C-alpha atoms as a PDB file:
ATOM      1  CA  MET A   1     -53.970 -51.902   1.135  1.00  0.00           C
ATOM      2  CA  PRO A   2     -54.347 -48.735   3.391  1.00  0.00           C
ATOM      3  CA  PHE A   3     -51.991 -45.976   3.072  1.00  0.00           C
ATOM      4  CA  THR A   4     -50.773 -44.700   6.206  1.00  0.00           C
ATOM      5  CA  ALA A   5     -48.628 -41.369   6.289  1.00  0.00           C
ATOM      6  CA  PRO A   6     -44.903 -41.405   7.701  1.00  0.00           C
ATOM      7  CA  ILE A   7     -44.149 -39.962  11.045  1.00  0.00           C
ATOM      8  CA  PRO A   8     -42.779 -36.528  10.829  1.00  0.00           C
ATOM      9  CA  PRO A   9     -39.665 -35.634  12.726  1.00  0.00           C
ATOM     10  CA  PRO A  10     -40.399 -33.724  15.766  1.00  0.00           C
ATOM     11  CA  GLY A  11     -41.659 -30.054  15.319  1.00  0.00           C
ATOM     12  CA  GLU A  12     -42.425 -30.784  11.406  1.00  0.00           C
ATOM     13  CA  GLN A  13     -45.832 -30.550   9.715  1.00  0.00           C
ATOM     14  CA  PRO A  14     -46.906 -34.192   8.677  1.00  0.00           C
ATOM     15  CA  LEU A  15     -47.282 -34.432   4.998  1.00  0.00           C
ATOM     16  CA  ALA A  16     -50.687 -34.632   3.736  1.00  0.00           C
ATOM     17  CA  PRO A  17     -51.453 -38.425   2.970  1.00  0.00           C
ATOM     18  CA  THR A  18     -51.325 -39.443  -0.722  1.00  0.00           C
ATOM     19  CA  PRO A  19     -50.871 -42.974  -2.088  1.00  0.00           C
ATOM     20  CA  TYR A  20     -48.164 -41.940  -4.572  1.00  0.00           C
ATOM     21  CA  ARG A  21     -45.662 -40.084  -2.295  1.00  0.00           C
ATOM     22  CA  ASP A  22     -43.606 -43.297  -1.420  1.00  0.00           C
ATOM     23  CA  LEU A  23     -44.001 -45.711  -4.276  1.00  0.00           C
ATOM     24  CA  PRO A  24     -41.165 -47.986  -4.624  1.00  0.00           C
ATOM     25  CA  ARG A  25     -39.306 -47.376  -7.510  1.00  0.00           C
ATOM     26  CA  THR A  26     -38.234 -49.968 -10.257  1.00  0.00           C
ATOM     27  CA  PRO A  27     -34.281 -50.532  -9.845  1.00  0.00           C
ATOM     28  CA  GLY A  28     -32.948 -48.651 -12.729  1.00  0.00           C
ATOM     29  CA  ALA A  29     -35.828 -47.175 -13.633  1.00  0.00           C
ATOM     30  CA  ALA A  30     -35.622 -43.529 -14.940  1.00  0.00           C
ATOM     31  CA  ALA A  31     -37.704 -40.612 -12.845  1.00  0.00           C
ATOM     32  CA  MET A  32     -40.759 -39.904 -13.846  1.00  0.00           C
ATOM     33  CA  ALA A  33     -40.653 -36.393 -13.061  1.00  0.00           C
ATOM     34  CA  ASN A  34     -38.500 -33.468 -14.481  1.00  0.00           C
ATOM     35  CA  ARG A  35     -37.955 -30.296 -12.583  1.00  0.00           C
ATOM     36  CA  PHE A  36     -36.443 -27.028 -13.570  1.00  0.00           C
ATOM     37  CA  ARG A  37     -36.961 -23.477 -12.248  1.00  0.00           C
ATOM     38  CA  ILE A  38     -38.405 -20.632 -14.140  1.00  0.00           C
ATOM     39  CA  ASP A  39     -35.364 -18.287 -14.152  1.00  0.00           C
ATOM     40  CA  ARG A  40     -34.864 -14.718 -16.014  1.00  0.00           C
ATOM     41  CA  SER A  41     -31.217 -15.704 -16.060  1.00  0.00           C
ATOM     42  CA  SER A  42     -32.278 -19.064 -18.371  1.00  0.00           C
ATOM     43  CA  ALA A  43     -34.221 -16.542 -20.864  1.00  0.00           C
ATOM     44  CA  THR A  44     -32.818 -15.653 -24.478  1.00  0.00           C
ATOM     45  CA  GLU A  45     -34.023 -12.752 -26.479  1.00  0.00           C
ATOM     46  CA  GLU A  46     -36.924 -13.642 -28.750  1.00  0.00           C
ATOM     47  CA  PHE A  47     -39.766 -11.666 -29.799  1.00  0.00           C
ATOM     48  CA  GLY A  48     -38.944  -8.390 -28.581  1.00  0.00           C
ATOM     49  CA  LEU A  49     -38.585 -10.055 -24.698  1.00  0.00           C
ATOM     50  CA  ALA A  50     -36.596 -12.502 -22.802  1.00  0.00           C
ATOM     51  CA  CYS A  51     -37.792 -16.091 -23.002  1.00  0.00           C
ATOM     52  CA  GLN A  52     -37.303 -19.263 -21.259  1.00  0.00           C
ATOM     53  CA  ARG A  53     -38.463 -22.257 -23.316  1.00  0.00           C
ATOM     54  CA  LEU A  54     -40.037 -24.608 -20.617  1.00  0.00           C
ATOM     55  CA  ILE A  55     -42.078 -27.400 -22.905  1.00  0.00           C
ATOM     56  CA  PRO A  56     -40.561 -29.113 -24.750  1.00  0.00           C
ATOM     57  CA  TRP A  57     -37.420 -29.090 -22.494  1.00  0.00           C
ATOM     58  CA  PRO A  58     -34.007 -29.946 -24.230  1.00  0.00           C
ATOM     59  CA  GLY A  59     -33.737 -33.718 -24.673  1.00  0.00           C
ATOM     60  CA  GLY A  60     -37.337 -34.065 -24.290  1.00  0.00           C
ATOM     61  CA  GLU A  61     -39.771 -36.012 -26.140  1.00  0.00           C
ATOM     62  CA  GLU A  62     -41.944 -34.038 -28.693  1.00  0.00           C
ATOM     63  CA  THR A  63     -45.050 -32.599 -26.757  1.00  0.00           C
ATOM     64  CA  PRO A  64     -48.710 -31.291 -27.988  1.00  0.00           C
ATOM     65  CA  VAL A  65     -48.208 -28.356 -26.263  1.00  0.00           C
ATOM     66  CA  GLY A  66     -45.407 -25.571 -25.500  1.00  0.00           C
ATOM     67  CA  ALA A  67     -44.646 -23.392 -22.923  1.00  0.00           C
ATOM     68  CA  MET A  68     -42.410 -20.584 -22.222  1.00  0.00           C
ATOM     69  CA  ALA A  69     -41.605 -18.215 -19.218  1.00  0.00           C
ATOM     70  CA  CYS A  70     -41.523 -14.553 -20.674  1.00  0.00           C
ATOM     71  CA  PHE A  71     -40.051 -11.379 -19.000  1.00  0.00           C
ATOM     72  CA  LEU A  72     -40.774  -8.154 -20.141  1.00  0.00           C
ATOM     73  CA  ARG A  73     -39.278  -4.508 -19.084  1.00  0.00           C
ATOM     74  CA  PRO A  74     -40.952  -1.993 -17.355  1.00  0.00           C
ATOM     75  CA  GLY A  75     -42.383   0.389 -20.030  1.00  0.00           C
ATOM     76  CA  GLY A  76     -41.444  -2.429 -22.823  1.00  0.00           C
ATOM     77  CA  ASP A  77     -43.372  -3.712 -25.758  1.00  0.00           C
ATOM     78  CA  SER A  78     -43.143  -7.472 -27.496  1.00  0.00           C
ATOM     79  CA  ASP A  79     -42.761  -7.722 -31.108  1.00  0.00           C
ATOM     80  CA  PRO A  80     -45.907  -7.962 -32.987  1.00  0.00           C
ATOM     81  CA  ASP A  81     -47.066 -11.929 -33.239  1.00  0.00           C
ATOM     82  CA  CYS A  82     -49.660 -13.528 -35.190  1.00  0.00           C
ATOM     83  CA  HIS A  83     -49.782 -17.597 -35.103  1.00  0.00           C
ATOM     84  CA  ASN A  84     -52.396 -20.551 -35.900  1.00  0.00           C
ATOM     85  CA  GLN A  85     -51.844 -21.724 -32.310  1.00  0.00           C
ATOM     86  CA  ASP A  86     -54.182 -21.033 -28.975  1.00  0.00           C
ATOM     87  CA  GLU A  87     -52.527 -19.237 -26.362  1.00  0.00           C
ATOM     88  CA  VAL A  88     -53.013 -18.848 -22.847  1.00  0.00           C
ATOM     89  CA  MET A  89     -50.753 -16.150 -20.539  1.00  0.00           C
ATOM     90  CA  ILE A  90     -50.655 -16.910 -16.995  1.00  0.00           C
ATOM     91  CA  ILE A  91     -49.527 -13.828 -15.390  1.00  0.00           C
ATOM     92  CA  LEU A  92     -46.869 -14.212 -12.626  1.00  0.00           C
ATOM     93  CA  ALA A  93     -45.701 -10.802 -11.581  1.00  0.00           C
ATOM     94  CA  GLY A  94     -46.137  -7.207 -12.736  1.00  0.00           C
ATOM     95  CA  SER A  95     -49.059  -5.858 -14.943  1.00  0.00           C
ATOM     96  CA  GLY A  96     -49.752  -4.956 -18.437  1.00  0.00           C
ATOM     97  CA  ALA A  97     -52.063  -5.011 -21.472  1.00  0.00           C
ATOM     98  CA  VAL A  98     -52.224  -6.705 -24.467  1.00  0.00           C
ATOM     99  CA  ALA A  99     -53.248  -5.305 -28.157  1.00  0.00           C
ATOM    100  CA  LEU A 100     -55.156  -7.491 -30.722  1.00  0.00           C
ATOM    101  CA  ASP A 101     -55.113  -6.527 -34.026  1.00  0.00           C
ATOM    102  CA  GLY A 102     -54.051  -2.745 -32.845  1.00  0.00           C
ATOM    103  CA  VAL A 103     -57.061  -2.575 -30.217  1.00  0.00           C
ATOM    104  CA  LEU A 104     -55.975  -2.209 -26.764  1.00  0.00           C
ATOM    105  CA  GLU A 105     -57.555  -4.724 -24.508  1.00  0.00           C
ATOM    106  CA  PRO A 106     -58.287  -3.820 -20.677  1.00  0.00           C
ATOM    107  CA  PRO A 107     -55.179  -4.132 -18.686  1.00  0.00           C
ATOM    108  CA  PHE A 108     -54.218  -7.259 -16.414  1.00  0.00           C
ATOM    109  CA  ARG A 109     -51.994  -8.128 -13.486  1.00  0.00           C
ATOM    110  CA  ALA A 110     -50.311 -10.919 -11.544  1.00  0.00           C
ATOM    111  CA  GLY A 111     -52.791 -13.688 -10.966  1.00  0.00           C
ATOM    112  CA  ASP A 112     -54.796 -13.132 -14.163  1.00  0.00           C
ATOM    113  CA  ILE A 113     -54.811 -15.500 -17.265  1.00  0.00           C
ATOM    114  CA  VAL A 114     -55.434 -13.878 -20.474  1.00  0.00           C
ATOM    115  CA  VAL A 115     -56.511 -15.915 -23.360  1.00  0.00           C
ATOM    116  CA  LEU A 116     -55.343 -14.928 -26.806  1.00  0.00           C
ATOM    117  CA  PRO A 117     -57.120 -16.062 -30.078  1.00  0.00           C
ATOM    118  CA  ARG A 118     -55.723 -17.646 -33.088  1.00  0.00           C
ATOM    119  CA  ASN A 119     -54.704 -15.726 -36.084  1.00  0.00           C
ATOM    120  CA  GLN A 120     -54.998 -12.349 -34.656  1.00  0.00           C
ATOM    121  CA  GLU A 121     -51.694 -10.207 -34.205  1.00  0.00           C
ATOM    122  CA  HIS A 122     -50.943  -9.293 -30.662  1.00  0.00           C
ATOM    123  CA  VAL A 123     -48.576  -6.848 -28.540  1.00  0.00           C
ATOM    124  CA  VAL A 124     -47.989  -7.381 -24.901  1.00  0.00           C
ATOM    125  CA  HIS A 125     -47.203  -3.900 -23.250  1.00  0.00           C
ATOM    126  CA  ASN A 126     -45.857  -3.524 -19.799  1.00  0.00           C
ATOM    127  CA  THR A 127     -47.522  -0.768 -18.100  1.00  0.00           C
ATOM    128  CA  GLY A 128     -45.786  -1.065 -14.898  1.00  0.00           C
ATOM    129  CA  ASP A 129     -42.807   0.063 -13.386  1.00  0.00           C
ATOM    130  CA  ALA A 130     -41.727  -3.378 -12.705  1.00  0.00           C
ATOM    131  CA  GLU A 131     -40.727  -6.184 -14.987  1.00  0.00           C
ATOM    132  CA  LEU A 132     -43.846  -8.134 -16.219  1.00  0.00           C
ATOM    133  CA  SER A 133     -43.512 -12.137 -16.354  1.00  0.00           C
ATOM    134  CA  TRP A 134     -45.924 -14.534 -17.457  1.00  0.00           C
ATOM    135  CA  VAL A 135     -45.916 -18.404 -18.699  1.00  0.00           C
ATOM    136  CA  SER A 136     -47.153 -18.697 -22.140  1.00  0.00           C
ATOM    137  CA  LEU A 137     -48.793 -22.469 -22.873  1.00  0.00           C
ATOM    138  CA  TYR A 138     -49.579 -22.782 -26.691  1.00  0.00           C
ATOM    139  CA  TRP A 139     -51.392 -25.696 -28.828  1.00  0.00           C
ATOM    140  CA  PRO A 140     -50.387 -27.238 -31.258  1.00  0.00           C
ATOM    141  CA  LEU A 141     -46.695 -27.404 -30.580  1.00  0.00           C
ATOM    142  CA  ARG A 142     -45.877 -26.771 -34.100  1.00  0.00           C
ATOM    143  CA  GLU A 143     -48.041 -24.078 -35.805  1.00  0.00           C
ATOM    144  CA  PRO A 144     -50.744 -25.834 -38.528  1.00  0.00           C
ATOM    145  CA  GLY A 145     -49.876 -25.334 -42.087  1.00  0.00           C
ATOM    146  CA  LEU A 146     -46.350 -24.341 -41.732  1.00  0.00           C
ATOM    147  CA  PRO A 147     -43.742 -25.905 -44.458  1.00  0.00           C
ATOM    148  CA  THR A 148     -41.468 -28.897 -42.860  1.00  0.00           C
ATOM    149  CA  GLY A 149     -38.832 -28.973 -45.824  1.00  0.00           C
ATOM    150  CA  GLY A 150     -35.447 -26.964 -45.287  1.00  0.00           C
ATOM    151  CA  THR A 151     -34.831 -23.721 -47.187  1.00  0.00           C
ATOM    152  CA  ASP A 152     -33.267 -25.317 -49.610  1.00  0.00           C
ATOM    153  CA  GLY A 153     -36.195 -27.502 -50.689  1.00  0.00           C
ATOM    154  CA  THR A 154     -35.043 -30.559 -49.114  1.00  0.00           C
ATOM    155  CA  ASP A 155     -37.196 -32.044 -46.461  1.00  0.00           C
ATOM    156  CA  ARG A 156     -35.944 -32.516 -42.844  1.00  0.00           C
ATOM    157  CA  ASP A 157     -36.917 -33.807 -39.392  1.00  0.00           C
ATOM    158  CA  ASP A 158     -38.155 -30.808 -37.771  1.00  0.00           C
ATOM    159  CA  SER A 159     -39.029 -32.812 -34.522  1.00  0.00           C
ATOM    160  CA  THR A 160     -36.200 -31.037 -32.866  1.00  0.00           C
ATOM    161  CA  ASP A 161     -35.579 -28.263 -34.926  1.00  0.00           C
ATOM    162  CA  ASP A 162     -35.198 -24.924 -32.830  1.00  0.00           C
ATOM    163  CA  THR A 163     -35.571 -22.335 -35.913  1.00  0.00           C
ATOM    164  CA  ASP A 164     -37.706 -19.488 -35.662  1.00  0.00           C
ATOM    165  CA  GLU A 165     -40.022 -20.635 -38.538  1.00  0.00           C
ATOM    166  CA  ASN A 166     -41.235 -23.893 -36.141  1.00  0.00           C
ATOM    167  CA  LYS A 167     -41.225 -21.965 -32.820  1.00  0.00           C
ATOM    168  CA  GLU A 168     -44.200 -20.777 -31.509  1.00  0.00           C
ATOM    169  CA  VAL A 169     -44.576 -17.045 -31.353  1.00  0.00           C
ATOM    170  CA  ALA A 170     -45.899 -16.558 -28.003  1.00  0.00           C
ATOM    171  CA  ALA A 171     -46.149 -12.995 -26.686  1.00  0.00           C
END
């Protein structure tokens, strides 16, 4: 069946044709997409900077990756961090540099992607005069080799656990 784009109102640009834009929804079916904004006011203090957890989202299913938006004040440094997870930083705004195992890497700026190796301590430095912000993607969601038992020695279901020992340490 051929797909035709809808006719826009006068003065509006036509939408790019896509066979997915106007698919009929099954009555009673939940929406397929979740949408929320990266927003500094939604961030909480973690790792010496402000972080907004993006993936998994509250009430969301277990995912193979995690993501968080990070915000670092001008001249600020993140806490040292080291984890057995791959991490990619997508720099949204500002400029900075990262030190890997104490060695300062070349500077980065908005639009850059920084890949952090596993098991190397890293500290992010905001070298600019504006807030540095980025999205960190990391996988696997749970750091390999971390115990899943409770601090009292009992097992627990950590699929929704939000304690520091089971969080990715992005920064």
